[in-house]
Amino acid sequence: MKISARNVLKGKVKNVKHGSVNSEVTIALPGGGQIVSIITKKSAQDLRLSKSKQVYAVIKATNVMIAID
């Protein structure tokens, strides 16, 4: 796989929760963290996402916000 995005995180699917239109996909990262993505239900089905499947979280953003308390 080649992709122009610089932020690519490899992990395993921890959970997939399907809604009527979208699916919430939780990815477990190697360091113990996790990332959650909302994608269309059709995309989740087309990718055949299931628990323990190896995937890549690809983050392409032009803005990163930083906040403090």
PDB file of N, CA and C in Angstrom:
ATOM      1  N   MET A   1       0.845  -1.171   0.000  1.00  0.00           N
ATOM      2  CA  MET A   1       0.000   0.000   0.000  1.00  0.00           C
ATOM      3  C   MET A   1       0.888   1.232   0.000  1.00  0.00           C
ATOM      4  N   LYS A   2       0.637   2.148  -0.904  1.00  0.00           N
ATOM      5  CA  LYS A   2       1.300   3.442  -0.909  1.00  0.00           C
ATOM      6  C   LYS A   2       0.230   4.513  -0.813  1.00  0.00           C
ATOM      7  N   ILE A   3       0.504   5.513   0.028  1.00  0.00           N
ATOM      8  CA  ILE A   3      -0.479   6.574   0.241  1.00  0.00           C
ATOM      9  C   ILE A   3       0.265   7.859   0.586  1.00  0.00           C
ATOM     10  N   SER A   4      -0.298   8.990   0.210  1.00  0.00           N
ATOM     11  CA  SER A   4       0.380  10.262   0.434  1.00  0.00           C
ATOM     12  C   SER A   4       0.241  10.779   1.859  1.00  0.00           C
ATOM     13  N   ALA A   5      -0.737  10.287   2.596  1.00  0.00           N
ATOM     14  CA  ALA A   5      -0.934  10.752   3.974  1.00  0.00           C
ATOM     15  C   ALA A   5       0.267  10.359   4.826  1.00  0.00           C
ATOM     16  N   ARG A   6       0.699  11.268   5.689  1.00  0.00           N
ATOM     17  CA  ARG A   6       1.877  11.008   6.519  1.00  0.00           C
ATOM     18  C   ARG A   6       1.536  10.314   7.833  1.00  0.00           C
ATOM     19  N   ASN A   7       0.317  10.424   8.256  1.00  0.00           N
ATOM     20  CA  ASN A   7      -0.074   9.853   9.541  1.00  0.00           C
ATOM     21  C   ASN A   7      -0.853   8.559   9.322  1.00  0.00           C
ATOM     22  N   VAL A   8      -0.152   7.445   9.370  1.00  0.00           N
ATOM     23  CA  VAL A   8      -0.757   6.134   9.178  1.00  0.00           C
ATOM     24  C   VAL A   8      -0.425   5.295  10.413  1.00  0.00           C
ATOM     25  N   LEU A   9      -1.458   4.838  11.099  1.00  0.00           N
ATOM     26  CA  LEU A   9      -1.291   4.056  12.327  1.00  0.00           C
ATOM     27  C   LEU A   9      -1.799   2.639  12.095  1.00  0.00           C
ATOM     28  N   LYS A  10      -0.934   1.652  12.280  1.00  0.00           N
ATOM     29  CA  LYS A  10      -1.322   0.257  12.108  1.00  0.00           C
ATOM     30  C   LYS A  10      -1.880  -0.271  13.420  1.00  0.00           C
ATOM     31  N   GLY A  11      -2.957  -1.015  13.336  1.00  0.00           N
ATOM     32  CA  GLY A  11      -3.553  -1.590  14.536  1.00  0.00           C
ATOM     33  C   GLY A  11      -4.487  -2.731  14.191  1.00  0.00           C
ATOM     34  N   LYS A  12      -5.237  -3.160  15.187  1.00  0.00           N
ATOM     35  CA  LYS A  12      -6.222  -4.228  15.003  1.00  0.00           C
ATOM     36  C   LYS A  12      -7.592  -3.727  15.428  1.00  0.00           C
ATOM     37  N   VAL A  13      -8.601  -4.162  14.702  1.00  0.00           N
ATOM     38  CA  VAL A  13      -9.974  -3.788  15.044  1.00  0.00           C
ATOM     39  C   VAL A  13     -10.320  -4.382  16.402  1.00  0.00           C
ATOM     40  N   LYS A  14     -10.754  -3.520  17.296  1.00  0.00           N
ATOM     41  CA  LYS A  14     -11.172  -3.952  18.633  1.00  0.00           C
ATOM     42  C   LYS A  14     -12.674  -4.184  18.663  1.00  0.00           C
ATOM     43  N   ASN A  15     -13.404  -3.312  17.952  1.00  0.00           N
ATOM     44  CA  ASN A  15     -14.861  -3.400  17.965  1.00  0.00           C
ATOM     45  C   ASN A  15     -15.420  -2.674  16.753  1.00  0.00           C
ATOM     46  N   VAL A  16     -16.520  -3.194  16.219  1.00  0.00           N
ATOM     47  CA  VAL A  16     -17.273  -2.521  15.161  1.00  0.00           C
ATOM     48  C   VAL A  16     -18.724  -2.458  15.610  1.00  0.00           C
ATOM     49  N   LYS A  17     -19.254  -1.249  15.694  1.00  0.00           N
ATOM     50  CA  LYS A  17     -20.654  -1.068  16.092  1.00  0.00           C
ATOM     51  C   LYS A  17     -21.394  -0.446  14.903  1.00  0.00           C
ATOM     52  N   HIS A  18     -22.267  -1.250  14.277  1.00  0.00           N
ATOM     53  CA  HIS A  18     -23.006  -0.788  13.110  1.00  0.00           C
ATOM     54  C   HIS A  18     -24.275  -0.049  13.520  1.00  0.00           C
ATOM     55  N   GLY A  19     -24.484   1.102  12.902  1.00  0.00           N
ATOM     56  CA  GLY A  19     -25.739   1.828  13.035  1.00  0.00           C
ATOM     57  C   GLY A  19     -26.528   1.650  11.751  1.00  0.00           C
ATOM     58  N   SER A  20     -27.564   2.428  11.580  1.00  0.00           N
ATOM     59  CA  SER A  20     -28.381   2.296  10.370  1.00  0.00           C
ATOM     60  C   SER A  20     -27.657   2.848   9.140  1.00  0.00           C
ATOM     61  N   VAL A  21     -26.800   3.853   9.315  1.00  0.00           N
ATOM     62  CA  VAL A  21     -26.085   4.475   8.195  1.00  0.00           C
ATOM     63  C   VAL A  21     -24.571   4.387   8.369  1.00  0.00           C
ATOM     64  N   ASN A  22     -24.090   4.639   9.586  1.00  0.00           N
ATOM     65  CA  ASN A  22     -22.653   4.665   9.868  1.00  0.00           C
ATOM     66  C   ASN A  22     -22.241   3.530  10.789  1.00  0.00           C
ATOM     67  N   SER A  23     -20.936   3.275  10.811  1.00  0.00           N
ATOM     68  CA  SER A  23     -20.365   2.296  11.731  1.00  0.00           C
ATOM     69  C   SER A  23     -19.271   2.971  12.535  1.00  0.00           C
ATOM     70  N   GLU A  24     -19.204   2.635  13.819  1.00  0.00           N
ATOM     71  CA  GLU A  24     -18.146   3.132  14.696  1.00  0.00           C
ATOM     72  C   GLU A  24     -17.106   2.016  14.829  1.00  0.00           C
ATOM     73  N   VAL A  25     -15.877   2.318  14.393  1.00  0.00           N
ATOM     74  CA  VAL A  25     -14.806   1.330  14.395  1.00  0.00           C
ATOM     75  C   VAL A  25     -13.752   1.741  15.414  1.00  0.00           C
ATOM     76  N   THR A  26     -13.489   0.889  16.387  1.00  0.00           N
ATOM     77  CA  THR A  26     -12.451   1.133  17.379  1.00  0.00           C
ATOM     78  C   THR A  26     -11.241   0.291  17.014  1.00  0.00           C
ATOM     79  N   ILE A  27     -10.078   0.978  16.914  1.00  0.00           N
ATOM     80  CA  ILE A  27      -8.835   0.316  16.533  1.00  0.00           C
ATOM     81  C   ILE A  27      -7.882   0.343  17.724  1.00  0.00           C
ATOM     82  N   ALA A  28      -7.369  -0.830  18.105  1.00  0.00           N
ATOM     83  CA  ALA A  28      -6.375  -0.943  19.172  1.00  0.00           C
ATOM     84  C   ALA A  28      -4.996  -0.738  18.558  1.00  0.00           C
ATOM     85  N   LEU A  29      -4.221   0.187  19.130  1.00  0.00           N
ATOM     86  CA  LEU A  29      -2.883   0.492  18.637  1.00  0.00           C
ATOM     87  C   LEU A  29      -1.839  -0.286  19.435  1.00  0.00           C
ATOM     88  N   PRO A  30      -0.658  -0.541  18.857  1.00  0.00           N
ATOM     89  CA  PRO A  30       0.364  -1.354  19.526  1.00  0.00           C
ATOM     90  C   PRO A  30       0.778  -0.863  20.912  1.00  0.00           C
ATOM     91  N   GLY A  31       0.814   0.434  21.153  1.00  0.00           N
ATOM     92  CA  GLY A  31       1.246   0.958  22.442  1.00  0.00           C
ATOM     93  C   GLY A  31       0.183   0.919  23.518  1.00  0.00           C
ATOM     94  N   GLY A  32      -0.977   0.370  23.214  1.00  0.00           N
ATOM     95  CA  GLY A  32      -2.052   0.274  24.195  1.00  0.00           C
ATOM     96  C   GLY A  32      -3.138   1.316  24.019  1.00  0.00           C
ATOM     97  N   GLY A  33      -2.899   2.306  23.187  1.00  0.00           N
ATOM     98  CA  GLY A  33      -3.920   3.315  22.920  1.00  0.00           C
ATOM     99  C   GLY A  33      -4.937   2.793  21.927  1.00  0.00           C
ATOM    100  N   GLN A  34      -5.920   3.618  21.674  1.00  0.00           N
ATOM    101  CA  GLN A  34      -6.916   3.257  20.674  1.00  0.00           C
ATOM    102  C   GLN A  34      -7.411   4.502  19.962  1.00  0.00           C
ATOM    103  N   ILE A  35      -7.947   4.298  18.782  1.00  0.00           N
ATOM    104  CA  ILE A  35      -8.498   5.388  17.992  1.00  0.00           C
ATOM    105  C   ILE A  35      -9.861   4.933  17.484  1.00  0.00           C
ATOM    106  N   VAL A  36     -10.807   5.862  17.424  1.00  0.00           N
ATOM    107  CA  VAL A  36     -12.163   5.545  16.994  1.00  0.00           C
ATOM    108  C   VAL A  36     -12.470   6.326  15.735  1.00  0.00           C
ATOM    109  N   SER A  37     -13.045   5.656  14.757  1.00  0.00           N
ATOM    110  CA  SER A  37     -13.405   6.282  13.493  1.00  0.00           C
ATOM    111  C   SER A  37     -14.866   5.998  13.180  1.00  0.00           C
ATOM    112  N   ILE A  38     -15.538   6.989  12.624  1.00  0.00           N
ATOM    113  CA  ILE A  38     -16.899   6.807  12.135  1.00  0.00           C
ATOM    114  C   ILE A  38     -16.824   6.762  10.623  1.00  0.00           C
ATOM    115  N   ILE A  39     -17.237   5.647  10.034  1.00  0.00           N
ATOM    116  CA  ILE A  39     -17.253   5.507   8.585  1.00  0.00           C
ATOM    117  C   ILE A  39     -18.640   5.023   8.167  1.00  0.00           C
ATOM    118  N   THR A  40     -18.920   5.049   6.877  1.00  0.00           N
ATOM    119  CA  THR A  40     -20.229   4.566   6.446  1.00  0.00           C
ATOM    120  C   THR A  40     -20.327   3.059   6.691  1.00  0.00           C
ATOM    121  N   LYS A  41     -21.533   2.616   6.929  1.00  0.00           N
ATOM    122  CA  LYS A  41     -21.770   1.190   7.147  1.00  0.00           C
ATOM    123  C   LYS A  41     -21.360   0.402   5.905  1.00  0.00           C
ATOM    124  N   LYS A  42     -21.640   0.944   4.740  1.00  0.00           N
ATOM    125  CA  LYS A  42     -21.268   0.273   3.493  1.00  0.00           C
ATOM    126  C   LYS A  42     -19.756   0.103   3.400  1.00  0.00           C
ATOM    127  N   SER A  43     -18.984   1.121   3.773  1.00  0.00           N
ATOM    128  CA  SER A  43     -17.521   1.009   3.748  1.00  0.00           C
ATOM    129  C   SER A  43     -17.045  -0.074   4.702  1.00  0.00           C
ATOM    130  N   ALA A  44     -17.612  -0.121   5.894  1.00  0.00           N
ATOM    131  CA  ALA A  44     -17.230  -1.149   6.873  1.00  0.00           C
ATOM    132  C   ALA A  44     -17.534  -2.539   6.333  1.00  0.00           C
ATOM    133  N   GLN A  45     -18.659  -2.673   5.670  1.00  0.00           N
ATOM    134  CA  GLN A  45     -19.021  -3.970   5.096  1.00  0.00           C
ATOM    135  C   GLN A  45     -18.122  -4.317   3.914  1.00  0.00           C
ATOM    136  N   ASP A  46     -17.843  -3.340   3.047  1.00  0.00           N
ATOM    137  CA  ASP A  46     -16.975  -3.570   1.887  1.00  0.00           C
ATOM    138  C   ASP A  46     -15.565  -3.981   2.320  1.00  0.00           C
ATOM    139  N   LEU A  47     -15.077  -3.404   3.430  1.00  0.00           N
ATOM    140  CA  LEU A  47     -13.747  -3.743   3.961  1.00  0.00           C
ATOM    141  C   LEU A  47     -13.762  -5.023   4.792  1.00  0.00           C
ATOM    142  N   ARG A  48     -14.949  -5.561   5.021  1.00  0.00           N
ATOM    143  CA  ARG A  48     -15.137  -6.768   5.834  1.00  0.00           C
ATOM    144  C   ARG A  48     -14.470  -6.630   7.200  1.00  0.00           C
ATOM    145  N   LEU A  49     -14.725  -5.491   7.847  1.00  0.00           N
ATOM    146  CA  LEU A  49     -14.124  -5.223   9.146  1.00  0.00           C
ATOM    147  C   LEU A  49     -14.719  -6.134  10.208  1.00  0.00           C
ATOM    148  N   SER A  50     -13.851  -6.729  10.985  1.00  0.00           N
ATOM    149  CA  SER A  50     -14.279  -7.598  12.084  1.00  0.00           C
ATOM    150  C   SER A  50     -13.198  -7.564  13.157  1.00  0.00           C
ATOM    151  N   LYS A  51     -13.558  -8.021  14.336  1.00  0.00           N
ATOM    152  CA  LYS A  51     -12.640  -8.011  15.470  1.00  0.00           C
ATOM    153  C   LYS A  51     -11.339  -8.734  15.123  1.00  0.00           C
ATOM    154  N   SER A  52     -10.221  -8.118  15.510  1.00  0.00           N
ATOM    155  CA  SER A  52      -8.859  -8.636  15.336  1.00  0.00           C
ATOM    156  C   SER A  52      -8.299  -8.486  13.923  1.00  0.00           C
ATOM    157  N   LYS A  53      -9.067  -7.936  12.986  1.00  0.00           N
ATOM    158  CA  LYS A  53      -8.544  -7.724  11.639  1.00  0.00           C
ATOM    159  C   LYS A  53      -7.505  -6.609  11.670  1.00  0.00           C
ATOM    160  N   GLN A  54      -6.364  -6.817  11.006  1.00  0.00           N
ATOM    161  CA  GLN A  54      -5.336  -5.783  10.942  1.00  0.00           C
ATOM    162  C   GLN A  54      -5.776  -4.708   9.957  1.00  0.00           C
ATOM    163  N   VAL A  55      -5.657  -3.454  10.392  1.00  0.00           N
ATOM    164  CA  VAL A  55      -6.075  -2.317   9.586  1.00  0.00           C
ATOM    165  C   VAL A  55      -5.097  -1.163   9.769  1.00  0.00           C
ATOM    166  N   TYR A  56      -5.268  -0.140   8.967  1.00  0.00           N
ATOM    167  CA  TYR A  56      -4.508   1.099   9.087  1.00  0.00           C
ATOM    168  C   TYR A  56      -5.487   2.239   9.306  1.00  0.00           C
ATOM    169  N   ALA A  57      -5.223   3.074  10.293  1.00  0.00           N
ATOM    170  CA  ALA A  57      -5.970   4.316  10.477  1.00  0.00           C
ATOM    171  C   ALA A  57      -5.163   5.387   9.747  1.00  0.00           C
ATOM    172  N   VAL A  58      -5.746   5.970   8.719  1.00  0.00           N
ATOM    173  CA  VAL A  58      -5.076   6.979   7.913  1.00  0.00           C
ATOM    174  C   VAL A  58      -5.666   8.334   8.272  1.00  0.00           C
ATOM    175  N   ILE A  59      -4.827   9.232   8.772  1.00  0.00           N
ATOM    176  CA  ILE A  59      -5.286  10.539   9.237  1.00  0.00           C
ATOM    177  C   ILE A  59      -4.747  11.595   8.289  1.00  0.00           C
ATOM    178  N   LYS A  60      -5.656  12.274   7.618  1.00  0.00           N
ATOM    179  CA  LYS A  60      -5.281  13.333   6.678  1.00  0.00           C
ATOM    180  C   LYS A  60      -6.054  14.579   7.093  1.00  0.00           C
ATOM    181  N   ALA A  61      -5.361  15.512   7.687  1.00  0.00           N
ATOM    182  CA  ALA A  61      -6.018  16.730   8.178  1.00  0.00           C
ATOM    183  C   ALA A  61      -5.127  17.927   7.909  1.00  0.00           C
ATOM    184  N   THR A  62      -5.737  19.036   7.560  1.00  0.00           N
ATOM    185  CA  THR A  62      -4.977  20.251   7.361  1.00  0.00           C
ATOM    186  C   THR A  62      -4.901  21.087   8.626  1.00  0.00           C
ATOM    187  N   ASN A  63      -5.759  20.793   9.589  1.00  0.00           N
ATOM    188  CA  ASN A  63      -5.793  21.532  10.844  1.00  0.00           C
ATOM    189  C   ASN A  63      -5.746  20.577  12.023  1.00  0.00           C
ATOM    190  N   VAL A  64      -4.888  20.854  12.964  1.00  0.00           N
ATOM    191  CA  VAL A  64      -4.846  20.120  14.206  1.00  0.00           C
ATOM    192  C   VAL A  64      -5.027  21.127  15.325  1.00  0.00           C
ATOM    193  N   MET A  65      -6.070  20.968  16.094  1.00  0.00           N
ATOM    194  CA  MET A  65      -6.375  21.902  17.179  1.00  0.00           C
ATOM    195  C   MET A  65      -5.732  21.427  18.469  1.00  0.00           C
ATOM    196  N   ILE A  66      -5.269  22.349  19.271  1.00  0.00           N
ATOM    197  CA  ILE A  66      -4.675  22.040  20.574  1.00  0.00           C
ATOM    198  C   ILE A  66      -5.425  22.845  21.622  1.00  0.00           C
ATOM    199  N   ALA A  67      -5.756  22.211  22.735  1.00  0.00           N
ATOM    200  CA  ALA A  67      -6.496  22.866  23.807  1.00  0.00           C
ATOM    201  C   ALA A  67      -5.859  22.561  25.146  1.00  0.00           C
ATOM    202  N   ILE A  68      -6.074  23.420  26.119  1.00  0.00           N
ATOM    203  CA  ILE A  68      -5.630  23.186  27.488  1.00  0.00           C
ATOM    204  C   ILE A  68      -6.775  23.527  28.437  1.00  0.00           C
ATOM    205  N   ASP A  69      -6.673  23.062  29.675  1.00  0.00           N
ATOM    206  CA  ASP A  69      -7.690  23.382  30.682  1.00  0.00           C
ATOM    207  C   ASP A  69      -7.410  24.764  31.242  1.00  0.00           C
TER     208      ASP A  69
END
